[in-house]
């Protein structure tokens, strides 16, 4: 019959059966299912390396600042919340009580002094939630009635702003904390943001590196610190229901955890006292 042929009708012609086509499609689907997670993991590893590189460059700037300032690390701001030290620029009036500086604060002084050459270094590329993203966090963030104006994705350890009684005052709010960098030794100095405040727009559960965070230490080293799920859940719960004071104390305790001092975690409720990073 005209228009019909079998495999043998044309030399070298080989048609596929429906079953063969389905098998090939299935194999392709299986390969895609295997490769996509692998590619996603590879992209995250690349972002994590960039984040670590950013932190390393910031640490070099901290060391330069310390050399210029007779050994001091960048200071905290008087009465500033420990859990909000990812804010690096503010315009509080100097006439307020207590007085606040106007301009660059915390790690932001490194940019002011041109020791950090570009704003993008203040952002972990694995973050995708405002305000901890570049360039929006740098140009569009505004909180506190427009007073706090620049948000980054790295939180600074030096704050001294915890005033909760557990059972006695620890690290009360007051004068800005001045610290000699050499005295910190192996303590964590800054890290990826691990807790936020609803009024500052961060959503809960924003952990950048698959259950861990990059942290940098006063001795100049950086590392990926894996965090147990219960600690991440505690941070998320504090975001949802905890008071600002609890957030501040969690931040203080968490930095002690990053510094391999788990005994400090005993003072914070709902965290296992034997937890180790």
Protein backbone atom coordinates (compact mmCIF):
# COMPACT_ATOMS: atom_id res chain seq x y z
CA UNK A 1 0.00 0.00 0.00
CA UNK A 2 1.36 3.40 -0.99
CA UNK A 3 2.70 5.55 1.85
CA UNK A 4 3.33 2.61 4.21
CA UNK A 5 6.62 0.91 4.87
CA UNK A 6 8.32 -1.32 7.38
CA UNK A 7 11.85 -1.11 8.79
CA UNK A 8 13.11 -3.19 5.88
CA UNK A 9 11.51 -0.92 3.24
CA UNK A 10 14.45 1.56 3.26
CA UNK A 11 18.10 0.60 3.56
CA UNK A 12 19.66 1.96 6.78
CA UNK A 13 16.33 3.24 8.15
CA UNK A 14 15.58 2.32 11.75
CA UNK A 15 12.44 3.63 13.46
CA UNK A 16 11.87 3.56 17.23
CA UNK A 17 9.02 1.70 18.80
CA UNK A 18 6.85 3.41 21.41
CA UNK A 19 8.40 1.28 24.15
CA UNK A 20 11.91 2.32 23.12
CA UNK A 21 10.92 5.99 23.17
CA UNK A 22 9.40 5.63 26.65
CA UNK A 23 12.53 3.91 27.93
CA UNK A 24 14.73 6.75 26.62
CA UNK A 25 12.44 9.38 28.13
CA UNK A 26 12.49 7.55 31.46
CA UNK A 27 16.28 7.41 31.43
CA UNK A 28 16.52 11.12 30.64
CA UNK A 29 14.07 11.88 33.45
CA UNK A 30 16.11 9.78 35.86
CA UNK A 31 19.34 11.55 34.88
CA UNK A 32 17.69 14.95 35.33
CA UNK A 33 16.41 13.90 38.77
CA UNK A 34 19.94 12.87 39.73
CA UNK A 35 21.75 15.85 38.23
CA UNK A 36 19.53 18.73 39.41
CA UNK A 37 20.19 18.19 43.15
CA UNK A 38 23.88 17.72 42.38
CA UNK A 39 23.97 20.99 40.41
CA UNK A 40 22.03 22.75 43.16
CA UNK A 41 24.51 21.50 45.75
CA UNK A 42 27.43 22.61 43.56
CA UNK A 43 25.92 26.10 43.20
CA UNK A 44 25.43 26.34 46.97
CA UNK A 45 29.01 25.24 47.58
CA UNK A 46 30.18 27.98 45.20
CA UNK A 47 28.05 30.56 47.03
CA UNK A 48 29.39 29.34 50.36
CA UNK A 49 32.95 29.80 49.12
CA UNK A 50 32.12 33.36 48.00
CA UNK A 51 30.58 34.04 51.42
CA UNK A 52 33.72 32.76 53.16
CA UNK A 53 35.85 34.93 50.85
CA UNK A 54 33.72 37.97 51.74
CA UNK A 55 34.17 37.28 55.43
CA UNK A 56 37.91 36.81 54.97
CA UNK A 57 38.21 40.22 53.30
CA UNK A 58 36.17 41.82 56.08
CA UNK A 59 38.48 40.19 58.64
CA UNK A 60 41.52 41.63 56.87
CA UNK A 61 39.82 45.03 57.16
CA UNK A 62 39.17 44.42 60.89
CA UNK A 63 42.86 43.70 61.38
CA UNK A 64 43.80 46.87 59.46
CA UNK A 65 41.37 48.87 61.60
CA UNK A 66 42.84 47.33 64.76
CA UNK A 67 46.34 48.32 63.68
CA UNK A 68 45.19 51.93 63.14
CA UNK A 69 43.22 52.05 66.41
CA UNK A 70 45.84 50.79 68.85
CA UNK A 71 44.59 47.23 68.81
CA UNK A 72 40.84 47.89 69.15
CA UNK A 73 38.18 46.06 67.16
CA UNK A 74 35.36 48.18 65.68
CA UNK A 75 33.26 49.20 68.73
CA UNK A 76 29.59 48.67 69.38
CA UNK A 77 27.04 51.44 69.71
CA UNK A 78 25.71 52.43 73.10
CA UNK A 79 22.53 50.50 74.02
CA UNK A 80 22.28 48.90 70.57
CA UNK A 81 20.48 45.55 70.38
CA UNK A 82 22.84 42.58 70.07
CA UNK A 83 20.57 40.83 67.57
CA UNK A 84 20.52 43.81 65.20
CA UNK A 85 24.24 44.42 64.68
CA UNK A 86 23.79 43.56 61.00
CA UNK A 87 22.65 47.20 60.71
CA UNK A 88 25.73 49.26 59.83
CA UNK A 89 24.42 52.77 59.22
CA UNK A 90 22.07 54.94 61.28
CA UNK A 91 21.02 58.55 61.73
CA UNK A 92 19.98 58.70 65.38
CA UNK A 93 20.17 62.22 66.75
CA UNK A 94 23.20 62.92 68.92
CA UNK A 95 20.84 64.82 71.23
CA UNK A 96 18.95 61.70 72.22
CA UNK A 97 19.48 60.12 75.61
CA UNK A 98 21.64 58.11 75.46
CA UNK A 99 23.41 59.81 72.55
CA UNK A 100 23.93 57.83 69.36
CA UNK A 101 26.52 58.40 66.66
CA UNK A 102 25.34 59.45 63.23
CA UNK A 103 26.63 57.51 60.25
CA UNK A 104 28.52 54.23 59.88
CA UNK A 105 28.49 51.86 62.86
CA UNK A 106 29.74 48.37 63.75
CA UNK A 107 31.41 46.74 60.72
CA UNK A 108 30.26 49.71 58.65
CA UNK A 109 33.17 51.82 59.93
CA UNK A 110 35.42 49.62 57.76
CA UNK A 111 33.58 50.85 54.66
CA UNK A 112 33.68 54.42 55.90
CA UNK A 113 37.47 54.16 56.21
CA UNK A 114 37.68 52.51 52.75
CA UNK A 115 39.09 49.31 54.24
CA UNK A 116 36.19 47.36 52.73
CA UNK A 117 36.26 48.45 49.09
CA UNK A 118 32.73 47.56 47.97
CA UNK A 119 29.31 47.08 49.62
CA UNK A 120 28.75 43.63 48.08
CA UNK A 121 31.34 42.14 50.45
CA UNK A 122 28.87 42.65 53.31
CA UNK A 123 26.40 40.13 51.83
CA UNK A 124 26.27 36.35 51.78
CA UNK A 125 25.19 35.28 48.25
CA UNK A 126 23.11 32.42 49.69
CA UNK A 127 20.65 34.84 51.30
CA UNK A 128 17.60 35.71 49.23
CA UNK A 129 15.39 37.46 51.78
CA UNK A 130 15.16 41.22 52.19
CA UNK A 131 16.84 43.08 53.83
CA UNK A 132 19.91 40.79 53.88
CA UNK A 133 20.47 40.98 50.14
CA UNK A 134 22.49 43.17 47.83
CA UNK A 135 21.76 45.73 46.46
CA UNK A 136 18.35 46.17 48.10
CA UNK A 137 19.63 45.90 51.67
CA UNK A 138 22.20 48.58 50.93
CA UNK A 139 19.99 51.07 49.12
CA UNK A 140 16.36 50.34 50.04
CA UNK A 141 16.33 49.21 53.67
CA UNK A 142 14.73 51.61 56.12
CA UNK A 143 13.56 50.93 59.66
CA UNK A 144 13.12 52.74 62.94
CA UNK A 145 11.34 55.60 61.23
CA UNK A 146 14.02 55.75 58.56
CA UNK A 147 16.79 56.00 61.15
CA UNK A 148 18.39 52.62 60.42
CA UNK A 149 19.32 52.64 56.76
CA UNK A 150 21.78 49.91 55.76
CA UNK A 151 21.24 46.20 56.43
CA UNK A 152 23.82 43.49 55.72
CA UNK A 153 23.77 39.70 56.05
CA UNK A 154 26.60 39.52 58.61
CA UNK A 155 25.95 39.98 62.33
CA UNK A 156 28.66 41.40 64.60
CA UNK A 157 29.50 39.79 67.92
CA UNK A 158 30.71 42.85 69.79
CA UNK A 159 27.66 44.48 71.28
CA UNK A 160 27.39 44.17 75.05
CA UNK A 161 23.68 44.81 74.82
CA UNK A 162 22.00 42.09 76.90
CA UNK A 163 20.03 43.05 80.00
CA UNK A 164 17.89 39.99 80.79
CA UNK A 165 18.11 38.55 84.31
CA UNK A 166 19.07 34.82 84.19
CA UNK A 167 18.98 34.98 87.27
CA UNK A 168 21.23 38.03 87.54
CA UNK A 169 22.11 40.71 84.99
CA UNK A 170 24.48 39.54 82.27
CA UNK A 171 26.19 41.93 79.88
CA UNK A 172 23.79 44.84 80.63
CA UNK A 173 23.03 47.59 78.17
CA UNK A 174 25.15 50.66 78.64
CA UNK A 175 28.34 52.14 77.25
CA UNK A 176 29.59 50.95 73.88
CA UNK A 177 31.80 47.89 74.11
CA UNK A 178 35.46 48.48 73.38
CA UNK A 179 37.52 45.32 72.89
CA UNK A 180 41.16 44.67 72.09
CA UNK A 181 41.20 42.35 69.09
CA UNK A 182 44.14 40.33 70.44
CA UNK A 183 42.24 39.58 73.66
CA UNK A 184 39.49 37.74 71.74
CA UNK A 185 41.91 35.03 70.54
CA UNK A 186 39.68 32.30 68.97
CA UNK A 187 36.30 33.90 69.70
CA UNK A 188 33.75 34.32 66.90
CA UNK A 189 33.69 37.92 65.72
CA UNK A 190 30.93 37.87 63.09
CA UNK A 191 28.78 35.38 61.19
CA UNK A 192 25.87 34.95 58.80
CA UNK A 193 22.69 36.38 60.31
CA UNK A 194 21.01 33.63 62.35
CA UNK A 195 18.14 35.47 64.04
CA UNK A 196 16.00 38.44 63.09
CA UNK A 197 13.35 40.83 64.27
CA UNK A 198 9.86 41.05 62.69
CA UNK A 199 10.02 44.84 62.60
CA UNK A 200 13.18 44.54 60.51
CA UNK A 201 11.45 42.32 57.91
CA UNK A 202 13.52 39.14 58.19
CA UNK A 203 11.42 35.98 57.85
CA UNK A 204 11.93 33.01 60.12
CA UNK A 205 14.17 30.13 59.16
CA UNK A 206 16.53 32.12 56.97
CA UNK A 207 19.62 29.95 57.28
CA UNK A 208 21.92 30.38 54.29
CA UNK A 209 24.00 27.20 54.05
CA UNK A 210 21.84 24.07 54.40
CA UNK A 211 21.72 23.90 58.19
CA UNK A 212 24.90 25.82 58.90
CA UNK A 213 26.44 29.26 58.86
CA UNK A 214 29.82 30.73 57.98
CA UNK A 215 31.55 32.29 60.96
CA UNK A 216 34.79 34.27 61.23
CA UNK A 217 37.08 34.40 64.23
CA UNK A 218 39.35 36.94 65.83
CA UNK A 219 42.42 34.91 64.88
CA UNK A 220 41.60 35.52 61.19
CA UNK A 221 40.12 32.09 60.39
CA UNK A 222 36.70 31.28 58.97
CA UNK A 223 34.70 28.06 58.92
CA UNK A 224 31.32 26.56 58.15
CA UNK A 225 29.62 25.71 61.46
CA UNK A 226 26.92 23.05 61.35
CA UNK A 227 23.99 23.80 63.64
CA UNK A 228 21.63 21.21 65.05
CA UNK A 229 17.99 21.57 63.94
CA UNK A 230 16.76 22.29 67.48
CA UNK A 231 18.96 25.39 67.64
CA UNK A 232 17.64 26.65 64.30
CA UNK A 233 14.09 25.98 65.52
CA UNK A 234 14.80 27.95 68.69
CA UNK A 235 15.95 30.91 66.59
CA UNK A 236 12.80 30.65 64.48
CA UNK A 237 10.60 30.50 67.60
CA UNK A 238 12.29 33.59 68.98
CA UNK A 239 11.57 35.35 65.71
CA UNK A 240 7.89 34.45 66.02
CA UNK A 241 7.22 34.85 69.73
CA UNK A 242 10.33 35.88 71.68
CA UNK A 243 10.93 39.30 73.15
CA UNK A 244 13.69 41.57 71.92
CA UNK A 245 15.60 40.84 75.10
CA UNK A 246 15.41 37.10 74.47
CA UNK A 247 16.65 37.63 70.92
CA UNK A 248 19.56 39.65 72.23
CA UNK A 249 20.48 37.04 74.79
CA UNK A 250 20.21 34.24 72.23
CA UNK A 251 22.59 36.19 70.00
CA UNK A 252 25.08 36.64 72.82
CA UNK A 253 24.86 32.95 73.78
CA UNK A 254 25.02 31.78 70.17
CA UNK A 255 28.26 33.65 69.59
CA UNK A 256 29.65 31.90 72.65
CA UNK A 257 28.56 28.64 71.07
CA UNK A 258 30.35 29.53 67.86
CA UNK A 259 33.41 30.24 69.98
CA UNK A 260 33.36 26.63 71.26
CA UNK A 261 32.18 27.68 74.70
CA UNK A 262 29.03 25.57 75.13
CA UNK A 263 28.87 26.28 78.86
CA UNK A 264 27.45 29.69 77.99
CA UNK A 265 24.41 27.99 76.48
CA UNK A 266 23.34 26.70 79.91
CA UNK A 267 21.95 30.14 80.70
CA UNK A 268 19.54 30.16 77.78
CA UNK A 269 16.23 28.26 78.20
CA UNK A 270 15.26 25.39 75.90
CA UNK A 271 18.79 24.85 74.59
CA UNK A 272 20.47 21.54 75.50
CA UNK A 273 23.29 22.27 77.97
CA UNK A 274 25.51 19.58 76.47
CA UNK A 275 25.14 20.91 72.92
CA UNK A 276 28.40 21.22 71.00
CA UNK A 277 28.86 22.72 67.52
